[in-house]
Amino acid sequence: MREITKSSLEAYNYRVLTASDGVEAVTIYAEHQQEINIVLLDMMMPSMDGAIAIRTLEKINPNVKIIATSGLSSQQNIAESQGAAVKAFLTKPCTVK
């Protein structure tokens, strides 16, 4: 899914950095935050779930912009309760549109 999403976004000329889990996502964000305009974040990731990753990203940058995603609609409330960083929630599966 990560590679399909990456390819889809790159087809629209987005530059995409990917991570295999929450810990790697936070590390990549910390290293490249000046280059990153928005974070697309799955709420259910190994090593560090989306809620913890969102809070950690906000500590690094209080102005971070996040689009949270999950295949479980129950995760939407969790994502939206994380604060102003979560700008939108996408329920999986989703399309490029």
PDB file of N, CA and C in Angstrom:
ATOM      1  N   MET A   1       0.814  -1.197   0.000  1.00  0.00           N
ATOM      2  CA  MET A   1       0.000   0.000   0.000  1.00  0.00           C
ATOM      3  C   MET A   1       0.862   1.267   0.000  1.00  0.00           C
ATOM      4  N   ARG A   2       1.944   1.215   0.736  1.00  0.00           N
ATOM      5  CA  ARG A   2       2.833   2.380   0.812  1.00  0.00           C
ATOM      6  C   ARG A   2       3.381   2.733  -0.556  1.00  0.00           C
ATOM      7  N   GLU A   3       3.803   1.721  -1.319  1.00  0.00           N
ATOM      8  CA  GLU A   3       4.376   1.965  -2.648  1.00  0.00           C
ATOM      9  C   GLU A   3       3.326   2.438  -3.648  1.00  0.00           C
ATOM     10  N   ILE A   4       2.118   1.896  -3.547  1.00  0.00           N
ATOM     11  CA  ILE A   4       1.033   2.339  -4.433  1.00  0.00           C
ATOM     12  C   ILE A   4       0.689   3.794  -4.149  1.00  0.00           C
ATOM     13  N   THR A   5       0.588   4.140  -2.887  1.00  0.00           N
ATOM     14  CA  THR A   5       0.297   5.525  -2.512  1.00  0.00           C
ATOM     15  C   THR A   5       1.403   6.448  -2.990  1.00  0.00           C
ATOM     16  N   LYS A   6       2.642   6.037  -2.800  1.00  0.00           N
ATOM     17  CA  LYS A   6       3.780   6.838  -3.245  1.00  0.00           C
ATOM     18  C   LYS A   6       3.722   7.058  -4.747  1.00  0.00           C
ATOM     19  N   SER A   7       3.508   6.005  -5.509  1.00  0.00           N
ATOM     20  CA  SER A   7       3.438   6.124  -6.972  1.00  0.00           C
ATOM     21  C   SER A   7       2.293   7.030  -7.404  1.00  0.00           C
ATOM     22  N   SER A   8       1.159   6.895  -6.741  1.00  0.00           N
ATOM     23  CA  SER A   8      -0.003   7.731  -7.076  1.00  0.00           C
ATOM     24  C   SER A   8       0.295   9.206  -6.832  1.00  0.00           C
ATOM     25  N   LEU A   9       0.901   9.519  -5.717  1.00  0.00           N
ATOM     26  CA  LEU A   9       1.227  10.911  -5.413  1.00  0.00           C
ATOM     27  C   LEU A   9       2.313  11.454  -6.341  1.00  0.00           C
ATOM     28  N   GLU A  10       3.294  10.640  -6.632  1.00  0.00           N
ATOM     29  CA  GLU A  10       4.361  11.075  -7.539  1.00  0.00           C
ATOM     30  C   GLU A  10       3.831  11.332  -8.947  1.00  0.00           C
ATOM     31  N   ALA A  11       2.780  10.628  -9.343  1.00  0.00           N
ATOM     32  CA  ALA A  11       2.165  10.862 -10.658  1.00  0.00           C
ATOM     33  C   ALA A  11       1.597  12.277 -10.752  1.00  0.00           C
ATOM     34  N   TYR A  12       1.316  12.883  -9.605  1.00  0.00           N
ATOM     35  CA  TYR A  12       0.827  14.261  -9.553  1.00  0.00           C
ATOM     36  C   TYR A  12       1.942  15.236  -9.132  1.00  0.00           C
ATOM     37  N   ASN A  13       3.176  14.798  -9.328  1.00  0.00           N
ATOM     38  CA  ASN A  13       4.372  15.613  -9.098  1.00  0.00           C
ATOM     39  C   ASN A  13       4.650  15.960  -7.638  1.00  0.00           C
ATOM     40  N   TYR A  14       4.133  15.152  -6.720  1.00  0.00           N
ATOM     41  CA  TYR A  14       4.516  15.319  -5.319  1.00  0.00           C
ATOM     42  C   TYR A  14       5.818  14.582  -5.076  1.00  0.00           C
ATOM     43  N   ARG A  15       6.667  15.144  -4.239  1.00  0.00           N
ATOM     44  CA  ARG A  15       7.868  14.441  -3.783  1.00  0.00           C
ATOM     45  C   ARG A  15       7.457  13.711  -2.513  1.00  0.00           C
ATOM     46  N   VAL A  16       7.758  12.416  -2.449  1.00  0.00           N
ATOM     47  CA  VAL A  16       7.250  11.582  -1.361  1.00  0.00           C
ATOM     48  C   VAL A  16       8.403  10.919  -0.613  1.00  0.00           C
ATOM     49  N   LEU A  17       8.357  11.021   0.706  1.00  0.00           N
ATOM     50  CA  LEU A  17       9.254  10.278   1.587  1.00  0.00           C
ATOM     51  C   LEU A  17       8.384   9.251   2.298  1.00  0.00           C
ATOM     52  N   THR A  18       8.860   8.023   2.406  1.00  0.00           N
ATOM     53  CA  THR A  18       8.048   6.982   3.051  1.00  0.00           C
ATOM     54  C   THR A  18       8.757   6.421   4.273  1.00  0.00           C
ATOM     55  N   ALA A  19       7.923   5.880   5.163  1.00  0.00           N
ATOM     56  CA  ALA A  19       8.434   5.238   6.372  1.00  0.00           C
ATOM     57  C   ALA A  19       7.661   3.941   6.585  1.00  0.00           C
ATOM     58  N   SER A  20       8.321   2.959   7.177  1.00  0.00           N
ATOM     59  CA  SER A  20       7.685   1.658   7.385  1.00  0.00           C
ATOM     60  C   SER A  20       6.941   1.558   8.714  1.00  0.00           C
ATOM     61  N   ASP A  21       7.182   2.507   9.622  1.00  0.00           N
ATOM     62  CA  ASP A  21       6.484   2.502  10.905  1.00  0.00           C
ATOM     63  C   ASP A  21       6.531   3.898  11.516  1.00  0.00           C
ATOM     64  N   GLY A  22       5.886   4.058  12.663  1.00  0.00           N
ATOM     65  CA  GLY A  22       5.805   5.357  13.305  1.00  0.00           C
ATOM     66  C   GLY A  22       7.145   5.923  13.744  1.00  0.00           C
ATOM     67  N   VAL A  23       8.007   5.066  14.239  1.00  0.00           N
ATOM     68  CA  VAL A  23       9.330   5.522  14.689  1.00  0.00           C
ATOM     69  C   VAL A  23      10.121   6.076  13.500  1.00  0.00           C
ATOM     70  N   GLU A  24      10.112   5.344  12.395  1.00  0.00           N
ATOM     71  CA  GLU A  24      10.822   5.809  11.204  1.00  0.00           C
ATOM     72  C   GLU A  24      10.190   7.096  10.661  1.00  0.00           C
ATOM     73  N   ALA A  25       8.879   7.202  10.723  1.00  0.00           N
ATOM     74  CA  ALA A  25       8.197   8.415  10.252  1.00  0.00           C
ATOM     75  C   ALA A  25       8.647   9.638  11.044  1.00  0.00           C
ATOM     76  N   VAL A  26       8.709   9.510  12.354  1.00  0.00           N
ATOM     77  CA  VAL A  26       9.145  10.628  13.200  1.00  0.00           C
ATOM     78  C   VAL A  26      10.604  10.979  12.905  1.00  0.00           C
ATOM     79  N   THR A  27      11.446   9.977  12.733  1.00  0.00           N
ATOM     80  CA  THR A  27      12.861  10.217  12.424  1.00  0.00           C
ATOM     81  C   THR A  27      13.014  10.957  11.100  1.00  0.00           C
ATOM     82  N   ILE A  28      12.304  10.491  10.086  1.00  0.00           N
ATOM     83  CA  ILE A  28      12.376  11.135   8.763  1.00  0.00           C
ATOM     84  C   ILE A  28      11.859  12.566   8.851  1.00  0.00           C
ATOM     85  N   TYR A  29      10.756  12.769   9.573  1.00  0.00           N
ATOM     86  CA  TYR A  29      10.222  14.123   9.713  1.00  0.00           C
ATOM     87  C   TYR A  29      11.235  15.034  10.413  1.00  0.00           C
ATOM     88  N   ALA A  30      11.845  14.554  11.465  1.00  0.00           N
ATOM     89  CA  ALA A  30      12.829  15.365  12.198  1.00  0.00           C
ATOM     90  C   ALA A  30      13.991  15.773  11.297  1.00  0.00           C
ATOM     91  N   GLU A  31      14.403  14.879  10.424  1.00  0.00           N
ATOM     92  CA  GLU A  31      15.533  15.153   9.524  1.00  0.00           C
ATOM     93  C   GLU A  31      15.154  16.046   8.348  1.00  0.00           C
ATOM     94  N   HIS A  32      13.906  15.999   7.908  1.00  0.00           N
ATOM     95  CA  HIS A  32      13.496  16.676   6.670  1.00  0.00           C
ATOM     96  C   HIS A  32      12.335  17.650   6.855  1.00  0.00           C
ATOM     97  N   GLN A  33      12.065  18.083   8.070  1.00  0.00           N
ATOM     98  CA  GLN A  33      10.859  18.871   8.307  1.00  0.00           C
ATOM     99  C   GLN A  33      10.783  20.150   7.483  1.00  0.00           C
ATOM    100  N   GLN A  34      11.915  20.738   7.133  1.00  0.00           N
ATOM    101  CA  GLN A  34      11.888  21.960   6.319  1.00  0.00           C
ATOM    102  C   GLN A  34      11.417  21.693   4.894  1.00  0.00           C
ATOM    103  N   GLU A  35      11.519  20.439   4.446  1.00  0.00           N
ATOM    104  CA  GLU A  35      11.118  20.056   3.093  1.00  0.00           C
ATOM    105  C   GLU A  35       9.700  19.488   3.044  1.00  0.00           C
ATOM    106  N   ILE A  36       9.110  19.204   4.187  1.00  0.00           N
ATOM    107  CA  ILE A  36       7.824  18.499   4.244  1.00  0.00           C
ATOM    108  C   ILE A  36       6.696  19.489   4.489  1.00  0.00           C
ATOM    109  N   ASN A  37       5.714  19.481   3.572  1.00  0.00           N
ATOM    110  CA  ASN A  37       4.560  20.371   3.707  1.00  0.00           C
ATOM    111  C   ASN A  37       3.396  19.713   4.436  1.00  0.00           C
ATOM    112  N   ILE A  38       3.270  18.391   4.271  1.00  0.00           N
ATOM    113  CA  ILE A  38       2.174  17.677   4.929  1.00  0.00           C
ATOM    114  C   ILE A  38       2.572  16.225   5.166  1.00  0.00           C
ATOM    115  N   VAL A  39       2.052  15.646   6.231  1.00  0.00           N
ATOM    116  CA  VAL A  39       2.335  14.259   6.578  1.00  0.00           C
ATOM    117  C   VAL A  39       1.049  13.450   6.388  1.00  0.00           C
ATOM    118  N   LEU A  40       1.127  12.392   5.595  1.00  0.00           N
ATOM    119  CA  LEU A  40       0.033  11.434   5.442  1.00  0.00           C
ATOM    120  C   LEU A  40       0.374  10.270   6.360  1.00  0.00           C
ATOM    121  N   LEU A  41      -0.453  10.044   7.373  1.00  0.00           N
ATOM    122  CA  LEU A  41      -0.086   9.152   8.463  1.00  0.00           C
ATOM    123  C   LEU A  41      -1.181   8.134   8.744  1.00  0.00           C
ATOM    124  N   ASP A  42      -0.823   6.856   8.678  1.00  0.00           N
ATOM    125  CA  ASP A  42      -1.767   5.795   9.035  1.00  0.00           C
ATOM    126  C   ASP A  42      -1.881   5.747  10.556  1.00  0.00           C
ATOM    127  N   MET A  43      -3.080   5.587  11.049  1.00  0.00           N
ATOM    128  CA  MET A  43      -3.288   5.561  12.494  1.00  0.00           C
ATOM    129  C   MET A  43      -2.831   4.250  13.127  1.00  0.00           C
ATOM    130  N   MET A  44      -2.717   3.192  12.327  1.00  0.00           N
ATOM    131  CA  MET A  44      -2.318   1.897  12.876  1.00  0.00           C
ATOM    132  C   MET A  44      -1.002   1.470  12.231  1.00  0.00           C
ATOM    133  N   MET A  45       0.083   1.763  12.922  1.00  0.00           N
ATOM    134  CA  MET A  45       1.422   1.432  12.441  1.00  0.00           C
ATOM    135  C   MET A  45       2.145   0.611  13.501  1.00  0.00           C
ATOM    136  N   PRO A  46       3.090  -0.207  13.057  1.00  0.00           N
ATOM    137  CA  PRO A  46       3.909  -0.925  14.043  1.00  0.00           C
ATOM    138  C   PRO A  46       4.866   0.029  14.770  1.00  0.00           C
ATOM    139  N   SER A  47       5.322  -0.379  15.896  1.00  0.00           N
ATOM    140  CA  SER A  47       6.332   0.312  16.719  1.00  0.00           C
ATOM    141  C   SER A  47       5.819   1.568  17.405  1.00  0.00           C
ATOM    142  N   MET A  48       5.019   2.369  16.721  1.00  0.00           N
ATOM    143  CA  MET A  48       4.464   3.595  17.302  1.00  0.00           C
ATOM    144  C   MET A  48       3.171   3.879  16.546  1.00  0.00           C
ATOM    145  N   ASP A  49       2.047   3.874  17.239  1.00  0.00           N
ATOM    146  CA  ASP A  49       0.785   4.085  16.525  1.00  0.00           C
ATOM    147  C   ASP A  49       0.613   5.550  16.116  1.00  0.00           C
ATOM    148  N   GLY A  50      -0.429   5.806  15.341  1.00  0.00           N
ATOM    149  CA  GLY A  50      -0.653   7.134  14.798  1.00  0.00           C
ATOM    150  C   GLY A  50      -0.852   8.205  15.855  1.00  0.00           C
ATOM    151  N   ALA A  51      -1.604   7.894  16.907  1.00  0.00           N
ATOM    152  CA  ALA A  51      -1.863   8.889  17.953  1.00  0.00           C
ATOM    153  C   ALA A  51      -0.563   9.348  18.616  1.00  0.00           C
ATOM    154  N   ILE A  52       0.297   8.410  18.934  1.00  0.00           N
ATOM    155  CA  ILE A  52       1.588   8.767  19.549  1.00  0.00           C
ATOM    156  C   ILE A  52       2.466   9.504  18.545  1.00  0.00           C
ATOM    157  N   ALA A  53       2.469   9.046  17.288  1.00  0.00           N
ATOM    158  CA  ALA A  53       3.270   9.709  16.259  1.00  0.00           C
ATOM    159  C   ALA A  53       2.808  11.152  16.067  1.00  0.00           C
ATOM    160  N   ILE A  54       1.499  11.383  16.066  1.00  0.00           N
ATOM    161  CA  ILE A  54       0.974  12.745  15.909  1.00  0.00           C
ATOM    162  C   ILE A  54       1.468  13.634  17.054  1.00  0.00           C
ATOM    163  N   ARG A  55       1.340  13.168  18.272  1.00  0.00           N
ATOM    164  CA  ARG A  55       1.805  13.962  19.424  1.00  0.00           C
ATOM    165  C   ARG A  55       3.301  14.237  19.337  1.00  0.00           C
ATOM    166  N   THR A  56       4.073  13.248  18.895  1.00  0.00           N
ATOM    167  CA  THR A  56       5.526  13.418  18.782  1.00  0.00           C
ATOM    168  C   THR A  56       5.864  14.424  17.685  1.00  0.00           C
ATOM    169  N   LEU A  57       5.181  14.328  16.550  1.00  0.00           N
ATOM    170  CA  LEU A  57       5.414  15.284  15.454  1.00  0.00           C
ATOM    171  C   LEU A  57       5.073  16.706  15.893  1.00  0.00           C
ATOM    172  N   GLU A  58       3.999  16.853  16.667  1.00  0.00           N
ATOM    173  CA  GLU A  58       3.620  18.188  17.161  1.00  0.00           C
ATOM    174  C   GLU A  58       4.670  18.756  18.118  1.00  0.00           C
ATOM    175  N   LYS A  59       5.339  17.894  18.869  1.00  0.00           N
ATOM    176  CA  LYS A  59       6.410  18.376  19.744  1.00  0.00           C
ATOM    177  C   LYS A  59       7.593  18.881  18.917  1.00  0.00           C
ATOM    178  N   ILE A  60       7.866  18.203  17.799  1.00  0.00           N
ATOM    179  CA  ILE A  60       8.947  18.631  16.911  1.00  0.00           C
ATOM    180  C   ILE A  60       8.570  19.937  16.226  1.00  0.00           C
ATOM    181  N   ASN A  61       7.311  20.016  15.762  1.00  0.00           N
ATOM    182  CA  ASN A  61       6.844  21.201  15.043  1.00  0.00           C
ATOM    183  C   ASN A  61       5.365  21.406  15.374  1.00  0.00           C
ATOM    184  N   PRO A  62       5.039  22.378  16.222  1.00  0.00           N
ATOM    185  CA  PRO A  62       3.644  22.622  16.582  1.00  0.00           C
ATOM    186  C   PRO A  62       2.754  22.985  15.382  1.00  0.00           C
ATOM    187  N   ASN A  63       3.353  23.373  14.272  1.00  0.00           N
ATOM    188  CA  ASN A  63       2.600  23.760  13.079  1.00  0.00           C
ATOM    189  C   ASN A  63       2.526  22.659  12.031  1.00  0.00           C
ATOM    190  N   VAL A  64       2.921  21.441  12.374  1.00  0.00           N
ATOM    191  CA  VAL A  64       2.882  20.332  11.423  1.00  0.00           C
ATOM    192  C   VAL A  64       1.453  20.133  10.924  1.00  0.00           C
ATOM    193  N   LYS A  65       1.315  19.781   9.647  1.00  0.00           N
ATOM    194  CA  LYS A  65       0.005  19.506   9.048  1.00  0.00           C
ATOM    195  C   LYS A  65      -0.049  18.017   8.729  1.00  0.00           C
ATOM    196  N   ILE A  66      -1.110  17.370   9.207  1.00  0.00           N
ATOM    197  CA  ILE A  66      -1.220  15.918   9.075  1.00  0.00           C
ATOM    198  C   ILE A  66      -2.562  15.547   8.465  1.00  0.00           C
ATOM    199  N   ILE A  67      -2.533  14.599   7.535  1.00  0.00           N
ATOM    200  CA  ILE A  67      -3.725  13.919   7.051  1.00  0.00           C
ATOM    201  C   ILE A  67      -3.641  12.517   7.622  1.00  0.00           C
ATOM    202  N   ALA A  68      -4.567  12.174   8.489  1.00  0.00           N
ATOM    203  CA  ALA A  68      -4.590  10.850   9.110  1.00  0.00           C
ATOM    204  C   ALA A  68      -5.445   9.925   8.249  1.00  0.00           C
ATOM    205  N   THR A  69      -5.104   8.645   8.258  1.00  0.00           N
ATOM    206  CA  THR A  69      -5.853   7.660   7.485  1.00  0.00           C
ATOM    207  C   THR A  69      -5.943   6.348   8.249  1.00  0.00           C
ATOM    208  N   SER A  70      -7.014   5.619   7.997  1.00  0.00           N
ATOM    209  CA  SER A  70      -7.183   4.307   8.612  1.00  0.00           C
ATOM    210  C   SER A  70      -8.294   3.557   7.900  1.00  0.00           C
ATOM    211  N   GLY A  71      -8.214   2.252   7.963  1.00  0.00           N
ATOM    212  CA  GLY A  71      -9.279   1.404   7.457  1.00  0.00           C
ATOM    213  C   GLY A  71     -10.388   1.219   8.480  1.00  0.00           C
ATOM    214  N   LEU A  72     -10.164   1.670   9.690  1.00  0.00           N
ATOM    215  CA  LEU A  72     -11.157   1.557  10.765  1.00  0.00           C
ATOM    216  C   LEU A  72     -11.759   2.931  11.046  1.00  0.00           C
ATOM    217  N   SER A  73     -13.039   3.066  10.846  1.00  0.00           N
ATOM    218  CA  SER A  73     -13.679   4.368  11.050  1.00  0.00           C
ATOM    219  C   SER A  73     -13.581   4.825  12.504  1.00  0.00           C
ATOM    220  N   SER A  74     -13.426   3.894  13.437  1.00  0.00           N
ATOM    221  CA  SER A  74     -13.290   4.263  14.849  1.00  0.00           C
ATOM    222  C   SER A  74     -12.010   5.069  15.091  1.00  0.00           C
ATOM    223  N   GLN A  75     -11.047   4.947  14.215  1.00  0.00           N
ATOM    224  CA  GLN A  75      -9.793   5.685  14.365  1.00  0.00           C
ATOM    225  C   GLN A  75      -9.957   7.176  14.040  1.00  0.00           C
ATOM    226  N   GLN A  76     -11.033   7.538  13.314  1.00  0.00           N
ATOM    227  CA  GLN A  76     -11.252   8.941  12.954  1.00  0.00           C
ATOM    228  C   GLN A  76     -11.378   9.812  14.195  1.00  0.00           C
ATOM    229  N   ASN A  77     -12.152   9.371  15.168  1.00  0.00           N
ATOM    230  CA  ASN A  77     -12.314  10.153  16.404  1.00  0.00           C
ATOM    231  C   ASN A  77     -10.995  10.308  17.133  1.00  0.00           C
ATOM    232  N   ILE A  78     -10.208   9.257  17.148  1.00  0.00           N
ATOM    233  CA  ILE A  78      -8.894   9.319  17.798  1.00  0.00           C
ATOM    234  C   ILE A  78      -8.011  10.324  17.082  1.00  0.00           C
ATOM    235  N   ALA A  79      -7.981  10.255  15.750  1.00  0.00           N
ATOM    236  CA  ALA A  79      -7.157  11.175  14.961  1.00  0.00           C
ATOM    237  C   ALA A  79      -7.598  12.615  15.176  1.00  0.00           C
ATOM    238  N   GLU A  80      -8.895  12.853  15.106  1.00  0.00           N
ATOM    239  CA  GLU A  80      -9.403  14.214  15.232  1.00  0.00           C
ATOM    240  C   GLU A  80      -9.231  14.772  16.638  1.00  0.00           C
ATOM    241  N   SER A  81      -9.136  13.913  17.623  1.00  0.00           N
ATOM    242  CA  SER A  81      -8.946  14.379  18.998  1.00  0.00           C
ATOM    243  C   SER A  81      -7.502  14.765  19.277  1.00  0.00           C
ATOM    244  N   GLN A  82      -6.616  14.514  18.343  1.00  0.00           N
ATOM    245  CA  GLN A  82      -5.196  14.790  18.565  1.00  0.00           C
ATOM    246  C   GLN A  82      -4.858  16.275  18.488  1.00  0.00           C
ATOM    247  N   GLY A  83      -5.766  17.090  17.974  1.00  0.00           N
ATOM    248  CA  GLY A  83      -5.517  18.524  17.959  1.00  0.00           C
ATOM    249  C   GLY A  83      -5.490  19.106  16.563  1.00  0.00           C
ATOM    250  N   ALA A  84      -5.021  20.325  16.498  1.00  0.00           N
ATOM    251  CA  ALA A  84      -5.067  21.100  15.258  1.00  0.00           C
ATOM    252  C   ALA A  84      -4.161  20.555  14.163  1.00  0.00           C
ATOM    253  N   ALA A  85      -3.212  19.701  14.493  1.00  0.00           N
ATOM    254  CA  ALA A  85      -2.292  19.183  13.479  1.00  0.00           C
ATOM    255  C   ALA A  85      -3.011  18.329  12.443  1.00  0.00           C
ATOM    256  N   VAL A  86      -4.057  17.619  12.857  1.00  0.00           N
ATOM    257  CA  VAL A  86      -4.790  16.748  11.934  1.00  0.00           C
ATOM    258  C   VAL A  86      -5.766  17.613  11.143  1.00  0.00           C
ATOM    259  N   LYS A  87      -5.450  17.816   9.872  1.00  0.00           N
ATOM    260  CA  LYS A  87      -6.247  18.685   9.001  1.00  0.00           C
ATOM    261  C   LYS A  87      -7.371  17.937   8.299  1.00  0.00           C
ATOM    262  N   ALA A  88      -7.207  16.619   8.138  1.00  0.00           N
ATOM    263  CA  ALA A  88      -8.215  15.812   7.453  1.00  0.00           C
ATOM    264  C   ALA A  88      -8.044  14.359   7.851  1.00  0.00           C
ATOM    265  N   PHE A  89      -9.097  13.572   7.606  1.00  0.00           N
ATOM    266  CA  PHE A  89      -9.042  12.137   7.844  1.00  0.00           C
ATOM    267  C   PHE A  89      -9.559  11.432   6.613  1.00  0.00           C
ATOM    268  N   LEU A  90      -8.796  10.458   6.119  1.00  0.00           N
ATOM    269  CA  LEU A  90      -9.196   9.647   4.968  1.00  0.00           C
ATOM    270  C   LEU A  90      -9.482   8.235   5.433  1.00  0.00           C
ATOM    271  N   THR A  91     -10.659   7.727   5.072  1.00  0.00           N
ATOM    272  CA  THR A  91     -10.978   6.336   5.369  1.00  0.00           C
ATOM    273  C   THR A  91     -10.470   5.477   4.230  1.00  0.00           C
ATOM    274  N   LYS A  92      -9.732   4.425   4.561  1.00  0.00           N
ATOM    275  CA  LYS A  92      -9.232   3.496   3.536  1.00  0.00           C
ATOM    276  C   LYS A  92     -10.296   2.467   3.240  1.00  0.00           C
ATOM    277  N   PRO A  93     -10.374   1.992   2.028  1.00  0.00           N
ATOM    278  CA  PRO A  93      -9.528   2.416   0.902  1.00  0.00           C
ATOM    279  C   PRO A  93      -9.993   3.757   0.365  1.00  0.00           C
ATOM    280  N   CYS A  94      -9.055   4.497  -0.197  1.00  0.00           N
ATOM    281  CA  CYS A  94      -9.380   5.778  -0.804  1.00  0.00           C
ATOM    282  C   CYS A  94      -8.794   5.809  -2.210  1.00  0.00           C
ATOM    283  N   THR A  95      -9.253   6.743  -2.993  1.00  0.00           N
ATOM    284  CA  THR A  95      -8.767   6.873  -4.363  1.00  0.00           C
ATOM    285  C   THR A  95      -7.844   8.063  -4.461  1.00  0.00           C
ATOM    286  N   VAL A  96      -7.221   8.242  -5.590  1.00  0.00           N
ATOM    287  CA  VAL A  96      -6.333   9.378  -5.805  1.00  0.00           C
ATOM    288  C   VAL A  96      -7.115  10.692  -5.703  1.00  0.00           C
ATOM    289  N   LYS A  97      -8.350  10.684  -6.140  1.00  0.00           N
ATOM    290  CA  LYS A  97      -9.163  11.902  -6.062  1.00  0.00           C
ATOM    291  C   LYS A  97      -9.358  12.336  -4.628  1.00  0.00           C
TER     292      LYS A  97
END
